[in-house]
Amino acid sequence: YVIVLGGDHIYKMDYSKMVDFHIANDADCTISVIDVPRAE
């Protein structure tokens, strides 16, 4: 697996949980998303 990251965001995240989610879903690609206000 390869995880691709940006170098300019402020957040704390356990990437290993995202990799586990990727494996559990037999995914080819997993994209981290965040729920934003509809106006934005």
All heavy atoms as atom14 arrays in JSON, in Angstrom:
{
  "sequence": "YVIVLGGDHIYKMDYSKMVDFHIANDADCTISVIDVPRAE",
  "atom14_mask": [
    [1, 1, 1, 1, 1, 1, 1, 1, 1, 1, 1, 1, 0, 0],
    [1, 1, 1, 1, 1, 1, 1, 0, 0, 0, 0, 0, 0, 0],
    [1, 1, 1, 1, 1, 1, 1, 1, 0, 0, 0, 0, 0, 0],
    [1, 1, 1, 1, 1, 1, 1, 0, 0, 0, 0, 0, 0, 0],
    [1, 1, 1, 1, 1, 1, 1, 1, 0, 0, 0, 0, 0, 0],
    [1, 1, 1, 1, 0, 0, 0, 0, 0, 0, 0, 0, 0, 0],
    [1, 1, 1, 1, 0, 0, 0, 0, 0, 0, 0, 0, 0, 0],
    [1, 1, 1, 1, 1, 1, 1, 1, 0, 0, 0, 0, 0, 0],
    [1, 1, 1, 1, 1, 1, 1, 1, 1, 1, 0, 0, 0, 0],
    [1, 1, 1, 1, 1, 1, 1, 1, 0, 0, 0, 0, 0, 0],
    [1, 1, 1, 1, 1, 1, 1, 1, 1, 1, 1, 1, 0, 0],
    [1, 1, 1, 1, 1, 1, 1, 1, 1, 0, 0, 0, 0, 0],
    [1, 1, 1, 1, 1, 1, 1, 1, 0, 0, 0, 0, 0, 0],
    [1, 1, 1, 1, 1, 1, 1, 1, 0, 0, 0, 0, 0, 0],
    [1, 1, 1, 1, 1, 1, 1, 1, 1, 1, 1, 1, 0, 0],
    [1, 1, 1, 1, 1, 1, 0, 0, 0, 0, 0, 0, 0, 0],
    [1, 1, 1, 1, 1, 1, 1, 1, 1, 0, 0, 0, 0, 0],
    [1, 1, 1, 1, 1, 1, 1, 1, 0, 0, 0, 0, 0, 0],
    [1, 1, 1, 1, 1, 1, 1, 0, 0, 0, 0, 0, 0, 0],
    [1, 1, 1, 1, 1, 1, 1, 1, 0, 0, 0, 0, 0, 0],
    [1, 1, 1, 1, 1, 1, 1, 1, 1, 1, 1, 0, 0, 0],
    [1, 1, 1, 1, 1, 1, 1, 1, 1, 1, 0, 0, 0, 0],
    [1, 1, 1, 1, 1, 1, 1, 1, 0, 0, 0, 0, 0, 0],
    [1, 1, 1, 1, 1, 0, 0, 0, 0, 0, 0, 0, 0, 0],
    [1, 1, 1, 1, 1, 1, 1, 1, 0, 0, 0, 0, 0, 0],
    [1, 1, 1, 1, 1, 1, 1, 1, 0, 0, 0, 0, 0, 0],
    [1, 1, 1, 1, 1, 0, 0, 0, 0, 0, 0, 0, 0, 0],
    [1, 1, 1, 1, 1, 1, 1, 1, 0, 0, 0, 0, 0, 0],
    [1, 1, 1, 1, 1, 1, 0, 0, 0, 0, 0, 0, 0, 0],
    [1, 1, 1, 1, 1, 1, 1, 0, 0, 0, 0, 0, 0, 0],
    [1, 1, 1, 1, 1, 1, 1, 1, 0, 0, 0, 0, 0, 0],
    [1, 1, 1, 1, 1, 1, 0, 0, 0, 0, 0, 0, 0, 0],
    [1, 1, 1, 1, 1, 1, 1, 0, 0, 0, 0, 0, 0, 0],
    [1, 1, 1, 1, 1, 1, 1, 1, 0, 0, 0, 0, 0, 0],
    [1, 1, 1, 1, 1, 1, 1, 1, 0, 0, 0, 0, 0, 0],
    [1, 1, 1, 1, 1, 1, 1, 0, 0, 0, 0, 0, 0, 0],
    [1, 1, 1, 1, 1, 1, 1, 0, 0, 0, 0, 0, 0, 0],
    [1, 1, 1, 1, 1, 1, 1, 1, 1, 1, 1, 0, 0, 0],
    [1, 1, 1, 1, 1, 0, 0, 0, 0, 0, 0, 0, 0, 0],
    [1, 1, 1, 1, 1, 1, 1, 1, 1, 0, 0, 0, 0, 0]
  ],
  "atom14_positions": [
    [[0.84, -1.21, 0.0], [0.0, 0.0, 0.0], [0.87, 1.25, 0.0], [1.96, 1.28, 0.58], [-0.92, 0.01, 1.23], [-1.68, -1.27, 1.4], [-1.3, -2.21, 2.36], [-2.76, -1.57, 0.56], [-1.98, -3.41, 2.5], [-3.44, -2.77, 0.69], [-3.05, -3.68, 1.65], [-3.72, -4.87, 1.77], [0.0, 0.0, 0.0], [0.0, 0.0, 0.0]],
    [[0.36, 2.3, -0.64], [1.02, 3.6, -0.65], [0.01, 4.63, -0.17], [-1.13, 4.67, -0.65], [1.52, 3.98, -2.06], [1.99, 5.43, -2.09], [2.66, 3.06, -2.47], [0.0, 0.0, 0.0], [0.0, 0.0, 0.0], [0.0, 0.0, 0.0], [0.0, 0.0, 0.0], [0.0, 0.0, 0.0], [0.0, 0.0, 0.0], [0.0, 0.0, 0.0]],
    [[0.42, 5.44, 0.8], [-0.46, 6.52, 1.28], [0.11, 7.84, 0.77], [1.31, 8.11, 0.91], [-0.6, 6.48, 2.82], [-1.58, 7.56, 3.29], [0.72, 6.6, 3.54], [-2.09, 7.36, 4.71], [0.0, 0.0, 0.0], [0.0, 0.0, 0.0], [0.0, 0.0, 0.0], [0.0, 0.0, 0.0], [0.0, 0.0, 0.0], [0.0, 0.0, 0.0]],
    [[-0.74, 8.63, 0.13], [-0.33, 9.91, -0.44], [-0.91, 11.03, 0.42], [-2.13, 11.06, 0.69], [-0.82, 10.05, -1.9], [-0.42, 11.41, -2.47], [-0.25, 8.92, -2.76], [0.0, 0.0, 0.0], [0.0, 0.0, 0.0], [0.0, 0.0, 0.0], [0.0, 0.0, 0.0], [0.0, 0.0, 0.0], [0.0, 0.0, 0.0], [0.0, 0.0, 0.0]],
    [[-0.05, 11.95, 0.86], [-0.44, 12.99, 1.82], [-0.07, 14.37, 1.29], [0.87, 14.51, 0.5], [0.29, 12.78, 3.15], [0.21, 11.41, 3.8], [1.23, 11.29, 4.92], [-1.2, 11.19, 4.34], [0.0, 0.0, 0.0], [0.0, 0.0, 0.0], [0.0, 0.0, 0.0], [0.0, 0.0, 0.0], [0.0, 0.0, 0.0], [0.0, 0.0, 0.0]],
    [[-0.79, 15.38, 1.76], [-0.39, 16.76, 1.54], [0.45, 17.24, 2.71], [0.35, 16.69, 3.81], [0.0, 0.0, 0.0], [0.0, 0.0, 0.0], [0.0, 0.0, 0.0], [0.0, 0.0, 0.0], [0.0, 0.0, 0.0], [0.0, 0.0, 0.0], [0.0, 0.0, 0.0], [0.0, 0.0, 0.0], [0.0, 0.0, 0.0], [0.0, 0.0, 0.0]],
    [[1.25, 18.26, 2.48], [2.14, 18.74, 3.54], [1.68, 20.02, 4.19], [2.44, 20.66, 4.91], [0.0, 0.0, 0.0], [0.0, 0.0, 0.0], [0.0, 0.0, 0.0], [0.0, 0.0, 0.0], [0.0, 0.0, 0.0], [0.0, 0.0, 0.0], [0.0, 0.0, 0.0], [0.0, 0.0, 0.0], [0.0, 0.0, 0.0], [0.0, 0.0, 0.0]],
    [[0.41, 20.4, 3.98], [0.0, 21.74, 4.42], [-1.37, 21.78, 5.09], [-2.06, 22.79, 5.02], [0.02, 22.69, 3.22], [-0.76, 22.15, 2.03], [-1.41, 21.1, 2.18], [-0.73, 22.78, 0.96], [0.0, 0.0, 0.0], [0.0, 0.0, 0.0], [0.0, 0.0, 0.0], [0.0, 0.0, 0.0], [0.0, 0.0, 0.0], [0.0, 0.0, 0.0]],
    [[-1.75, 20.66, 5.73], [-3.02, 20.65, 6.47], [-2.74, 20.41, 7.95], [-1.77, 19.73, 8.31], [-3.95, 19.55, 5.95], [-4.37, 19.76, 4.53], [-4.45, 18.73, 3.62], [-4.72, 20.87, 3.85], [-4.83, 19.2, 2.45], [-5.0, 20.5, 2.57], [0.0, 0.0, 0.0], [0.0, 0.0, 0.0], [0.0, 0.0, 0.0], [0.0, 0.0, 0.0]],
    [[-3.61, 20.95, 8.8], [-3.44, 20.81, 10.24], [-4.51, 19.85, 10.77], [-5.71, 20.15, 10.69], [-3.55, 22.18, 10.94], [-2.42, 23.09, 10.47], [-3.53, 22.03, 12.45], [-2.63, 24.55, 10.79], [0.0, 0.0, 0.0], [0.0, 0.0, 0.0], [0.0, 0.0, 0.0], [0.0, 0.0, 0.0], [0.0, 0.0, 0.0], [0.0, 0.0, 0.0]],
    [[-4.07, 18.7, 11.26], [-5.0, 17.69, 11.75], [-4.19, 16.58, 12.43], [-2.98, 16.46, 12.2], [-5.82, 17.09, 10.6], [-4.99, 16.33, 9.59], [-5.01, 14.94, 9.53], [-4.13, 17.0, 8.71], [-4.23, 14.24, 8.61], [-3.36, 16.32, 7.8], [-3.41, 14.94, 7.75], [-2.62, 14.25, 6.85], [0.0, 0.0, 0.0], [0.0, 0.0, 0.0]],
    [[-4.86, 15.78, 13.25], [-4.25, 14.6, 13.85], [-5.06, 13.38, 13.4], [-6.27, 13.34, 13.58], [-4.27, 14.72, 15.38], [-3.37, 15.84, 15.9], [-3.7, 16.22, 17.33], [-3.18, 15.21, 18.3], [-3.29, 15.68, 19.7], [0.0, 0.0, 0.0], [0.0, 0.0, 0.0], [0.0, 0.0, 0.0], [0.0, 0.0, 0.0], [0.0, 0.0, 0.0]],
    [[-4.37, 12.41, 12.77], [-5.1, 11.29, 12.18], [-4.26, 10.02, 12.25], [-3.05, 10.05, 11.97], [-5.43, 11.61, 10.72], [-6.19, 10.53, 9.98], [-6.56, 11.1, 8.3], [-7.46, 9.7, 7.68], [0.0, 0.0, 0.0], [0.0, 0.0, 0.0], [0.0, 0.0, 0.0], [0.0, 0.0, 0.0], [0.0, 0.0, 0.0], [0.0, 0.0, 0.0]],
    [[-4.9, 8.92, 12.59], [-4.24, 7.62, 12.62], [-4.37, 6.98, 11.24], [-5.42, 6.44, 10.89], [-4.87, 6.73, 13.69], [-4.08, 5.44, 13.91], [-3.27, 5.08, 13.04], [-4.3, 4.79, 14.96], [0.0, 0.0, 0.0], [0.0, 0.0, 0.0], [0.0, 0.0, 0.0], [0.0, 0.0, 0.0], [0.0, 0.0, 0.0], [0.0, 0.0, 0.0]],
    [[-3.31, 7.07, 10.45], [-3.35, 6.53, 9.09], [-3.5, 5.01, 9.08], [-4.02, 4.44, 8.12], [-2.08, 6.91, 8.31], [-1.84, 8.39, 8.18], [-0.55, 8.92, 8.32], [-2.87, 9.28, 7.91], [-0.3, 10.27, 8.19], [-2.63, 10.64, 7.78], [-1.34, 11.13, 7.92], [-1.1, 12.47, 7.79], [0.0, 0.0, 0.0], [0.0, 0.0, 0.0]],
    [[-3.05, 4.34, 10.15], [-3.13, 2.88, 10.17], [-4.59, 2.42, 10.17], [-4.92, 1.37, 9.59], [-2.4, 2.31, 11.39], [-3.04, 2.67, 12.6], [0.0, 0.0, 0.0], [0.0, 0.0, 0.0], [0.0, 0.0, 0.0], [0.0, 0.0, 0.0], [0.0, 0.0, 0.0], [0.0, 0.0, 0.0], [0.0, 0.0, 0.0], [0.0, 0.0, 0.0]],
    [[-5.49, 3.2, 10.79], [-6.92, 2.86, 10.77], [-7.49, 3.01, 9.36], [-8.35, 2.23, 8.95], [-7.69, 3.74, 11.76], [-7.38, 3.43, 13.22], [-8.22, 4.29, 14.15], [-7.92, 3.94, 15.61], [-8.69, 4.81, 16.54], [0.0, 0.0, 0.0], [0.0, 0.0, 0.0], [0.0, 0.0, 0.0], [0.0, 0.0, 0.0], [0.0, 0.0, 0.0]],
    [[-7.0, 3.99, 8.64], [-7.44, 4.18, 7.26], [-6.95, 3.04, 6.37], [-7.68, 2.56, 5.5], [-6.93, 5.53, 6.74], [-7.45, 5.9, 5.36], [-6.94, 7.57, 4.9], [-7.45, 7.61, 3.17], [0.0, 0.0, 0.0], [0.0, 0.0, 0.0], [0.0, 0.0, 0.0], [0.0, 0.0, 0.0], [0.0, 0.0, 0.0], [0.0, 0.0, 0.0]],
    [[-5.73, 2.59, 6.6], [-5.2, 1.44, 5.85], [-6.01, 0.19, 6.17], [-6.36, -0.6, 5.27], [-3.7, 1.23, 6.15], [-3.19, -0.06, 5.51], [-2.87, 2.42, 5.66], [0.0, 0.0, 0.0], [0.0, 0.0, 0.0], [0.0, 0.0, 0.0], [0.0, 0.0, 0.0], [0.0, 0.0, 0.0], [0.0, 0.0, 0.0], [0.0, 0.0, 0.0]],
    [[-6.36, 0.0, 7.45], [-7.19, -1.16, 7.84], [-8.55, -1.11, 7.16], [-9.08, -2.14, 6.72], [-7.37, -1.19, 9.37], [-6.08, -1.54, 10.11], [-5.14, -2.05, 9.46], [-6.0, -1.28, 11.32], [0.0, 0.0, 0.0], [0.0, 0.0, 0.0], [0.0, 0.0, 0.0], [0.0, 0.0, 0.0], [0.0, 0.0, 0.0], [0.0, 0.0, 0.0]],
    [[-9.14, 0.09, 7.08], [-10.43, 0.28, 6.39], [-10.29, -0.08, 4.91], [-11.16, -0.74, 4.34], [-10.86, 1.75, 6.56], [-12.11, 2.14, 5.83], [-13.36, 2.0, 6.43], [-12.06, 2.67, 4.54], [-14.52, 2.37, 5.77], [-13.21, 3.04, 3.87], [-14.45, 2.9, 4.49], [0.0, 0.0, 0.0], [0.0, 0.0, 0.0], [0.0, 0.0, 0.0]],
    [[-9.19, 0.33, 4.31], [-8.89, 0.03, 2.9], [-8.83, -1.49, 2.68], [-9.43, -2.01, 1.74], [-7.55, 0.69, 2.54], [-7.09, 0.44, 1.14], [-7.44, 1.24, 0.08], [-6.26, -0.51, 0.63], [-6.88, 0.79, -1.02], [-6.16, -0.28, -0.72], [0.0, 0.0, 0.0], [0.0, 0.0, 0.0], [0.0, 0.0, 0.0], [0.0, 0.0, 0.0]],
    [[-8.15, -2.18, 3.57], [-8.0, -3.63, 3.46], [-9.35, -4.34, 3.67], [-9.72, -5.25, 2.92], [-6.95, -4.15, 4.48], [-5.57, -3.58, 4.13], [-6.91, -5.67, 4.5], [-4.53, -3.76, 5.22], [0.0, 0.0, 0.0], [0.0, 0.0, 0.0], [0.0, 0.0, 0.0], [0.0, 0.0, 0.0], [0.0, 0.0, 0.0], [0.0, 0.0, 0.0]],
    [[-10.09, -3.9, 4.7], [-11.37, -4.53, 5.02], [-12.37, -4.43, 3.87], [-13.21, -5.32, 3.68], [-11.96, -3.9, 6.29], [0.0, 0.0, 0.0], [0.0, 0.0, 0.0], [0.0, 0.0, 0.0], [0.0, 0.0, 0.0], [0.0, 0.0, 0.0], [0.0, 0.0, 0.0], [0.0, 0.0, 0.0], [0.0, 0.0, 0.0], [0.0, 0.0, 0.0]],
    [[-12.27, -3.36, 3.08], [-13.2, -3.16, 1.96], [-12.65, -3.68, 0.63], [-13.28, -3.48, -0.4], [-13.55, -1.68, 1.84], [-14.52, -1.21, 2.91], [-15.7, -1.54, 2.89], [-14.0, -0.45, 3.87], [0.0, 0.0, 0.0], [0.0, 0.0, 0.0], [0.0, 0.0, 0.0], [0.0, 0.0, 0.0], [0.0, 0.0, 0.0], [0.0, 0.0, 0.0]],
    [[-11.47, -4.32, 0.71], [-10.84, -4.81, -0.52], [-10.8, -3.69, -1.57], [-11.13, -3.89, -2.74], [-11.59, -6.03, -1.07], [-10.82, -6.74, -2.18], [-9.58, -6.63, -2.2], [-11.46, -7.36, -3.04], [0.0, 0.0, 0.0], [0.0, 0.0, 0.0], [0.0, 0.0, 0.0], [0.0, 0.0, 0.0], [0.0, 0.0, 0.0], [0.0, 0.0, 0.0]],
    [[-10.4, -2.51, -1.13], [-10.43, -1.32, -1.97], [-9.18, -1.22, -2.85], [-8.12, -1.75, -2.5], [-10.55, -0.07, -1.1], [0.0, 0.0, 0.0], [0.0, 0.0, 0.0], [0.0, 0.0, 0.0], [0.0, 0.0, 0.0], [0.0, 0.0, 0.0], [0.0, 0.0, 0.0], [0.0, 0.0, 0.0], [0.0, 0.0, 0.0], [0.0, 0.0, 0.0]],
    [[-9.34, -0.56, -3.98], [-8.19, -0.2, -4.82], [-7.65, 1.17, -4.41], [-6.46, 1.44, -4.53], [-8.59, -0.18, -6.29], [-9.07, -1.56, -6.76], [-8.32, -2.53, -6.54], [-10.17, -1.65, -7.33], [0.0, 0.0, 0.0], [0.0, 0.0, 0.0], [0.0, 0.0, 0.0], [0.0, 0.0, 0.0], [0.0, 0.0, 0.0], [0.0, 0.0, 0.0]],
    [[-8.56, 2.02, -3.95], [-8.18, 3.35, -3.46], [-9.16, 3.76, -2.38], [-10.37, 3.56, -2.51], [-8.2, 4.37, -4.62], [-7.99, 6.08, -4.09], [0.0, 0.0, 0.0], [0.0, 0.0, 0.0], [0.0, 0.0, 0.0], [0.0, 0.0, 0.0], [0.0, 0.0, 0.0], [0.0, 0.0, 0.0], [0.0, 0.0, 0.0], [0.0, 0.0, 0.0]],
    [[-8.63, 4.34, -1.32], [-9.47, 4.89, -0.25], [-9.12, 6.37, -0.1], [-7.94, 6.72, -0.02], [-9.25, 4.15, 1.08], [-9.6, 2.77, 0.9], [-10.09, 4.74, 2.19], [0.0, 0.0, 0.0], [0.0, 0.0, 0.0], [0.0, 0.0, 0.0], [0.0, 0.0, 0.0], [0.0, 0.0, 0.0], [0.0, 0.0, 0.0], [0.0, 0.0, 0.0]],
    [[-10.15, 7.2, -0.07], [-9.96, 8.65, 0.0], [-10.52, 9.15, 1.32], [-11.69, 8.87, 1.65], [-10.7, 9.35, -1.17], [-10.19, 8.81, -2.51], [-10.52, 10.86, -1.11], [-11.27, 8.48, -3.49], [0.0, 0.0, 0.0], [0.0, 0.0, 0.0], [0.0, 0.0, 0.0], [0.0, 0.0, 0.0], [0.0, 0.0, 0.0], [0.0, 0.0, 0.0]],
    [[-9.73, 9.86, 2.07], [-10.21, 10.42, 3.33], [-11.09, 11.64, 3.03], [-10.71, 12.51, 2.25], [-9.04, 10.82, 4.21], [-9.51, 11.26, 5.47], [0.0, 0.0, 0.0], [0.0, 0.0, 0.0], [0.0, 0.0, 0.0], [0.0, 0.0, 0.0], [0.0, 0.0, 0.0], [0.0, 0.0, 0.0], [0.0, 0.0, 0.0], [0.0, 0.0, 0.0]],
    [[-12.27, 11.66, 3.65], [-13.21, 12.76, 3.42], [-13.65, 13.34, 4.76], [-13.58, 12.68, 5.8], [-14.46, 12.31, 2.62], [-14.07, 11.83, 1.24], [-15.24, 11.23, 3.37], [0.0, 0.0, 0.0], [0.0, 0.0, 0.0], [0.0, 0.0, 0.0], [0.0, 0.0, 0.0], [0.0, 0.0, 0.0], [0.0, 0.0, 0.0], [0.0, 0.0, 0.0]],
    [[-14.1, 14.58, 4.7], [-14.64, 15.23, 5.89], [-15.94, 15.92, 5.5], [-16.06, 16.48, 4.41], [-13.62, 16.21, 6.51], [-14.1, 16.72, 7.87], [-13.3, 17.36, 5.56], [-13.0, 17.39, 8.69], [0.0, 0.0, 0.0], [0.0, 0.0, 0.0], [0.0, 0.0, 0.0], [0.0, 0.0, 0.0], [0.0, 0.0, 0.0], [0.0, 0.0, 0.0]],
    [[-16.92, 15.85, 6.39], [-18.22, 16.47, 6.13], [-18.09, 17.97, 6.34], [-17.72, 18.42, 7.43], [-19.27, 15.88, 7.07], [-20.69, 16.09, 6.59], [-20.84, 16.61, 5.47], [-21.63, 15.75, 7.32], [0.0, 0.0, 0.0], [0.0, 0.0, 0.0], [0.0, 0.0, 0.0], [0.0, 0.0, 0.0], [0.0, 0.0, 0.0], [0.0, 0.0, 0.0]],
    [[-18.37, 18.75, 5.3], [-18.25, 20.21, 5.39], [-19.63, 20.84, 5.26], [-20.56, 20.22, 4.73], [-17.31, 20.76, 4.29], [-15.91, 20.23, 4.46], [-17.84, 20.44, 2.89], [0.0, 0.0, 0.0], [0.0, 0.0, 0.0], [0.0, 0.0, 0.0], [0.0, 0.0, 0.0], [0.0, 0.0, 0.0], [0.0, 0.0, 0.0], [0.0, 0.0, 0.0]],
    [[-19.82, 22.07, 5.75], [-21.11, 22.75, 5.55], [-21.42, 22.89, 4.06], [-20.51, 23.13, 3.25], [-20.87, 24.13, 6.2], [-19.74, 23.92, 7.16], [-18.89, 22.86, 6.55], [0.0, 0.0, 0.0], [0.0, 0.0, 0.0], [0.0, 0.0, 0.0], [0.0, 0.0, 0.0], [0.0, 0.0, 0.0], [0.0, 0.0, 0.0], [0.0, 0.0, 0.0]],
    [[-22.68, 22.73, 3.7], [-23.06, 22.78, 2.27], [-22.64, 24.1, 1.62], [-22.27, 24.14, 0.45], [-24.58, 22.57, 2.13], [-25.03, 22.4, 0.69], [-26.43, 21.84, 0.61], [-26.51, 20.43, 1.01], [-26.24, 19.41, 0.19], [-25.85, 19.64, -1.05], [-26.34, 18.18, 0.64], [0.0, 0.0, 0.0], [0.0, 0.0, 0.0], [0.0, 0.0, 0.0]],
    [[-22.66, 25.18, 2.39], [-22.29, 26.48, 1.83], [-20.82, 26.53, 1.4], [-20.44, 27.32, 0.54], [-22.57, 27.58, 2.86], [0.0, 0.0, 0.0], [0.0, 0.0, 0.0], [0.0, 0.0, 0.0], [0.0, 0.0, 0.0], [0.0, 0.0, 0.0], [0.0, 0.0, 0.0], [0.0, 0.0, 0.0], [0.0, 0.0, 0.0], [0.0, 0.0, 0.0]],
    [[-19.98, 25.66, 2.02], [-18.55, 25.66, 1.7], [-18.17, 24.55, 0.72], [-17.03, 24.5, 0.25], [-17.73, 25.49, 2.99], [-17.83, 26.66, 3.95], [-16.96, 26.44, 5.19], [-16.0, 25.66, 5.1], [-17.27, 27.03, 6.23], [0.0, 0.0, 0.0], [0.0, 0.0, 0.0], [0.0, 0.0, 0.0], [0.0, 0.0, 0.0], [0.0, 0.0, 0.0]]
  ]
}
